[in-house]
Amino acid sequence: MTIGKLYNGSITSLKWQSQVIKNEGDTAVDMTGWTISDESNKVYTFPSGFVLNANAKVIVYTGSGEDTQNKLYWGSNVPIWNNDHDTSYLRDDEGNLVDKWGW
């Protein structure tokens, strides 16, 4: 499981601000309770029953929308990711660091 690209978009628009999570393994992963967080500890928790299939990806958008198998929504009304620097942390349901990506 890896963090792919982070699309930061405009600081004033949440339309494109998103994080790509990839399952590069050969088996599906139940991501119930997994989290994405940033350096200031803003946390997104994957919904109950969300499974990321083998060799699949999901895009987690900062704003609001309807969750699907390949698009999830944080539901934030403000930008999460800083333009100048930040780090994204992916943790499993036990809080273990799975991957991180910074700029």
Protein backbone atom coordinates (compact mmCIF):
# COMPACT_ATOMS: atom_id res chain seq x y z
CA MET A 1 0.00 0.00 0.00
CA THR A 2 1.55 3.30 -1.04
CA ILE A 3 0.75 6.97 -1.21
CA GLY A 4 0.76 8.15 -4.79
CA LYS A 5 0.64 11.72 -5.98
CA LEU A 6 -0.88 14.53 -4.00
CA TYR A 7 -2.71 17.11 -6.08
CA ASN A 8 -2.71 20.35 -4.15
CA GLY A 9 -4.63 22.58 -6.52
CA SER A 10 -5.39 26.16 -5.61
CA ILE A 11 -5.24 27.28 -1.99
CA THR A 12 -8.71 28.80 -2.51
CA SER A 13 -10.33 25.80 -4.21
CA LEU A 14 -10.87 22.27 -2.91
CA LYS A 15 -11.94 20.94 -6.32
CA TRP A 16 -8.67 19.21 -7.16
CA GLN A 17 -6.90 18.90 -3.80
CA SER A 18 -6.60 15.14 -3.38
CA GLN A 19 -4.41 12.21 -2.37
CA VAL A 20 -3.99 8.98 -4.36
CA ILE A 21 -3.63 5.72 -2.43
CA LYS A 22 -2.48 2.65 -4.38
CA ASN A 23 -2.73 -1.02 -3.47
CA GLU A 24 0.24 -2.45 -5.34
CA GLY A 25 -0.25 -5.89 -3.81
CA ASP A 26 -1.88 -9.03 -5.15
CA THR A 27 -4.71 -9.14 -2.59
CA ALA A 28 -7.51 -6.79 -1.63
CA VAL A 29 -7.06 -4.79 1.61
CA ASP A 30 -9.87 -3.93 4.02
CA MET A 31 -9.03 -0.32 4.91
CA THR A 32 -11.71 0.10 7.57
CA GLY A 33 -10.22 2.38 10.23
CA TRP A 34 -7.09 3.25 8.25
CA THR A 35 -6.16 6.93 8.29
CA ILE A 36 -4.46 9.64 6.27
CA SER A 37 -3.06 12.59 8.22
CA ASP A 38 -0.89 15.63 7.64
CA GLU A 39 1.82 17.35 9.70
CA SER A 40 -0.74 19.34 11.70
CA ASN A 41 -2.63 16.12 12.55
CA LYS A 42 -5.70 16.68 10.39
CA VAL A 43 -7.04 13.13 10.05
CA TYR A 44 -9.21 11.35 7.49
CA THR A 45 -10.50 7.90 8.50
CA PHE A 46 -11.44 5.39 5.81
CA PRO A 47 -15.10 4.34 6.09
CA SER A 48 -16.27 1.04 7.52
CA GLY A 49 -16.23 -1.72 4.92
CA PHE A 50 -14.01 0.10 2.42
CA VAL A 51 -11.91 -2.47 0.54
CA LEU A 52 -9.19 -1.46 -1.93
CA ASN A 53 -8.81 -4.19 -4.51
CA ALA A 54 -5.47 -5.60 -5.62
CA ASN A 55 -3.60 -3.34 -8.04
CA ALA A 56 -6.23 -0.62 -7.61
CA LYS A 57 -6.16 2.99 -6.47
CA VAL A 58 -8.51 5.34 -4.67
CA ILE A 59 -8.45 9.14 -4.75
CA VAL A 60 -9.29 10.87 -1.46
CA TYR A 61 -10.56 14.38 -2.21
CA THR A 62 -10.32 17.10 0.43
CA GLY A 63 -13.81 18.50 -0.23
CA SER A 64 -17.26 16.93 -0.10
CA GLY A 65 -18.95 14.48 -2.45
CA GLU A 66 -20.44 11.02 -2.69
CA ASP A 67 -18.04 8.16 -1.87
CA THR A 68 -17.54 5.48 -4.54
CA GLN A 69 -15.12 2.56 -4.94
CA ASN A 70 -12.45 4.80 -6.49
CA LYS A 71 -13.30 8.23 -5.00
CA LEU A 72 -13.60 9.12 -1.32
CA TYR A 73 -14.26 12.53 0.21
CA TRP A 74 -12.68 13.99 3.38
CA GLY A 75 -15.58 16.42 3.77
CA SER A 76 -13.41 19.39 4.72
CA ASN A 77 -14.49 22.96 4.00
CA VAL A 78 -10.89 24.20 4.10
CA PRO A 79 -7.68 23.04 2.39
CA ILE A 80 -5.81 20.24 4.18
CA TRP A 81 -2.47 20.22 2.38
CA ASN A 82 -0.02 23.13 2.62
CA ASN A 83 1.41 24.49 -0.64
CA ASP A 84 4.94 25.13 0.64
CA HIS A 85 5.55 21.87 2.54
CA ASP A 86 3.64 19.07 4.22
CA THR A 87 3.75 15.33 4.78
CA SER A 88 1.01 12.77 4.23
CA TYR A 89 0.97 9.76 6.58
CA LEU A 90 -0.93 6.55 5.80
CA ARG A 91 -1.60 4.38 8.87
CA ASP A 92 -3.37 1.06 9.25
CA ASP A 93 -6.23 0.44 11.68
CA GLU A 94 -3.75 -0.22 14.50
CA GLY A 95 -1.92 3.08 13.95
CA ASN A 96 1.15 1.54 12.29
CA LEU A 97 2.80 3.76 9.67
CA VAL A 98 2.34 2.12 6.27
CA ASP A 99 3.74 4.89 4.07
CA LYS A 100 4.51 8.60 4.08
CA TRP A 101 5.08 11.16 1.36
CA GLY A 102 6.40 14.67 1.81
CA TRP A 103 7.36 17.76 -0.14
